[in-house]
Amino acid sequence: MNRAVRSAAVVVIAVSLLGGGAAAAFAEPAQLHAPKPIVATAPVTAELTAKASATTVHAWQEFRISGTAKGIKAGSKVTVQQKQGAKWVALPAQAPVNASGTYSVRVKLGLKGVNQLRIGAGSAISPVVSVTVR
């Protein structure tokens, strides 16, 4: 009888282990392949700021336009644009965005009067900066 009890105990333990293992085996794949929630992230829009080092300069006197470039890759070029009539014209004044996201462009203007300037990089445009040339 002792032998029968032991055999029954072994069968009960084996069945419970197999049953628990099978339940776990069926439960885990469903959890492993469950769809992961999709987290939508808003695209980073590029933004530029601009500030002139001087508001009034003499013709061909050098000044700087500096600012920050948010969402623009380091090494990308920013270009000074000048309003000429109704059009914005790119000037040959460029500078790279540095690793900290800032830039500084050297500018010389010969067109006397109030000059409206802005910085452009791709589709990003800074607010207008006015510099008077005497």
Protein backbone atom coordinates (compact mmCIF):
# COMPACT_ATOMS: atom_id res chain seq x y z
CA MET A 1 0.00 0.00 0.00
CA ASN A 2 2.81 2.27 0.71
CA ARG A 3 3.95 1.80 -2.85
CA ALA A 4 0.51 2.69 -4.27
CA VAL A 5 0.36 5.91 -2.22
CA ARG A 6 3.75 6.94 -3.46
CA SER A 7 2.83 6.25 -7.05
CA ALA A 8 -0.39 8.22 -6.70
CA ALA A 9 1.49 11.14 -5.14
CA VAL A 10 4.01 11.15 -7.98
CA VAL A 11 1.20 11.12 -10.57
CA VAL A 12 -0.62 14.01 -8.81
CA ILE A 13 2.57 16.08 -8.62
CA ALA A 14 3.44 15.37 -12.27
CA VAL A 15 -0.04 16.29 -13.46
CA SER A 16 -0.04 19.53 -11.46
CA LEU A 17 3.37 20.48 -12.81
CA LEU A 18 2.38 19.70 -16.36
CA GLY A 19 -0.92 21.50 -16.00
CA GLY A 20 0.68 24.61 -14.50
CA GLY A 21 3.47 24.55 -17.06
CA ALA A 22 1.00 24.17 -19.92
CA ALA A 23 -1.11 27.03 -18.62
CA ALA A 24 1.97 29.20 -18.38
CA ALA A 25 3.07 28.13 -21.84
CA PHE A 26 -0.28 29.17 -23.29
CA ALA A 27 -0.43 32.42 -21.31
CA GLU A 28 3.04 33.73 -22.10
CA PRO A 29 2.98 33.80 -25.92
CA ALA A 30 -0.19 35.88 -25.89
CA GLN A 31 1.50 38.35 -23.57
CA LEU A 32 4.70 38.35 -25.60
CA HIS A 33 2.90 39.07 -28.85
CA ALA A 34 0.38 41.52 -27.46
CA PRO A 35 0.40 44.77 -29.44
CA LYS A 36 2.46 47.47 -27.79
CA PRO A 37 0.81 50.82 -27.31
CA ILE A 38 1.83 53.38 -29.92
CA VAL A 39 2.95 56.66 -28.47
CA ALA A 40 2.58 59.49 -30.92
CA THR A 41 5.24 62.16 -30.74
CA ALA A 42 4.77 65.53 -32.31
CA PRO A 43 7.36 66.34 -34.96
CA VAL A 44 9.93 68.85 -33.82
CA THR A 45 9.39 72.10 -35.63
CA ALA A 46 12.47 74.13 -36.39
CA GLU A 47 12.64 77.55 -34.76
CA LEU A 48 15.14 80.38 -35.14
CA THR A 49 15.72 83.47 -33.03
CA ALA A 50 17.80 86.45 -34.14
CA LYS A 51 19.30 89.52 -32.48
CA ALA A 52 21.64 92.08 -34.05
CA SER A 53 24.69 93.25 -32.10
CA ALA A 54 23.95 96.83 -33.25
CA THR A 55 20.81 98.64 -34.37
CA THR A 56 22.72 101.41 -36.20
CA VAL A 57 25.94 100.98 -38.19
CA HIS A 58 27.96 102.86 -40.83
CA ALA A 59 27.98 101.56 -44.39
CA TRP A 60 30.06 98.37 -44.63
CA GLN A 61 30.66 98.30 -40.88
CA GLU A 62 30.62 94.73 -39.59
CA PHE A 63 28.08 93.62 -37.00
CA ARG A 64 26.72 90.24 -35.94
CA ILE A 65 23.36 88.56 -35.93
CA SER A 66 23.25 85.83 -33.31
CA GLY A 67 20.56 83.51 -32.05
CA THR A 68 19.40 80.01 -31.32
CA ALA A 69 18.39 77.26 -33.71
CA LYS A 70 15.95 74.82 -32.12
CA GLY A 71 15.21 71.61 -34.04
CA ILE A 72 18.01 72.27 -36.54
CA LYS A 73 20.90 69.83 -36.77
CA ALA A 74 24.34 71.01 -35.65
CA GLY A 75 26.49 71.91 -38.64
CA SER A 76 23.51 73.10 -40.72
CA LYS A 77 24.01 76.52 -42.29
CA VAL A 78 21.87 79.53 -41.48
CA THR A 79 21.69 82.33 -44.04
CA VAL A 80 20.99 86.05 -43.66
CA GLN A 81 18.10 87.30 -45.78
CA GLN A 82 17.43 90.96 -46.58
CA LYS A 83 14.10 92.43 -47.65
CA GLN A 84 14.59 94.19 -50.98
CA GLY A 85 11.31 95.70 -52.13
CA ALA A 86 8.67 92.98 -51.71
CA LYS A 87 11.17 90.08 -51.93
CA TRP A 88 13.48 88.41 -49.44
CA VAL A 89 16.96 87.97 -50.92
CA ALA A 90 19.63 85.66 -49.47
CA LEU A 91 22.89 87.47 -48.72
CA PRO A 92 26.28 85.76 -48.91
CA ALA A 93 26.44 85.72 -45.11
CA GLN A 94 26.20 82.24 -43.60
CA ALA A 95 27.25 80.46 -40.43
CA PRO A 96 26.92 76.93 -39.10
CA VAL A 97 24.77 75.99 -36.13
CA ASN A 98 27.07 74.77 -33.37
CA ALA A 99 26.54 71.76 -31.08
CA SER A 100 24.78 73.86 -28.45
CA GLY A 101 22.21 75.05 -31.01
CA THR A 102 23.43 78.62 -31.41
CA TYR A 103 24.89 80.57 -34.32
CA SER A 104 26.56 83.92 -34.99
CA VAL A 105 26.82 85.45 -38.47
CA ARG A 106 29.06 88.37 -39.46
CA VAL A 107 27.20 90.88 -41.63
CA LYS A 108 28.20 94.00 -43.59
CA LEU A 109 25.56 96.17 -45.29
CA GLY A 110 26.02 98.96 -47.80
CA LEU A 111 22.38 99.82 -48.49
CA LYS A 112 21.72 103.02 -46.50
CA GLY A 113 18.54 103.37 -44.50
CA VAL A 114 16.55 100.84 -42.48
CA ASN A 115 17.38 97.28 -43.51
CA GLN A 116 15.04 94.46 -42.56
CA LEU A 117 16.93 91.22 -42.02
CA ARG A 118 16.02 87.69 -40.98
CA ILE A 119 17.75 84.33 -40.69
CA GLY A 120 16.69 81.29 -42.69
CA ALA A 121 17.55 77.61 -42.47
CA GLY A 122 15.45 75.28 -44.59
CA SER A 123 11.82 76.17 -43.96
CA ALA A 124 12.59 77.85 -40.61
CA ILE A 125 12.63 81.65 -40.59
CA SER A 126 13.52 83.94 -37.70
CA PRO A 127 11.62 87.08 -36.72
CA VAL A 128 12.68 90.25 -38.58
CA VAL A 129 15.57 92.33 -37.20
CA SER A 130 15.95 95.98 -38.28
CA VAL A 131 19.38 97.59 -38.66
CA THR A 132 19.83 101.19 -39.82
CA VAL A 133 22.82 101.90 -42.07
CA ARG A 134 24.10 105.55 -42.07
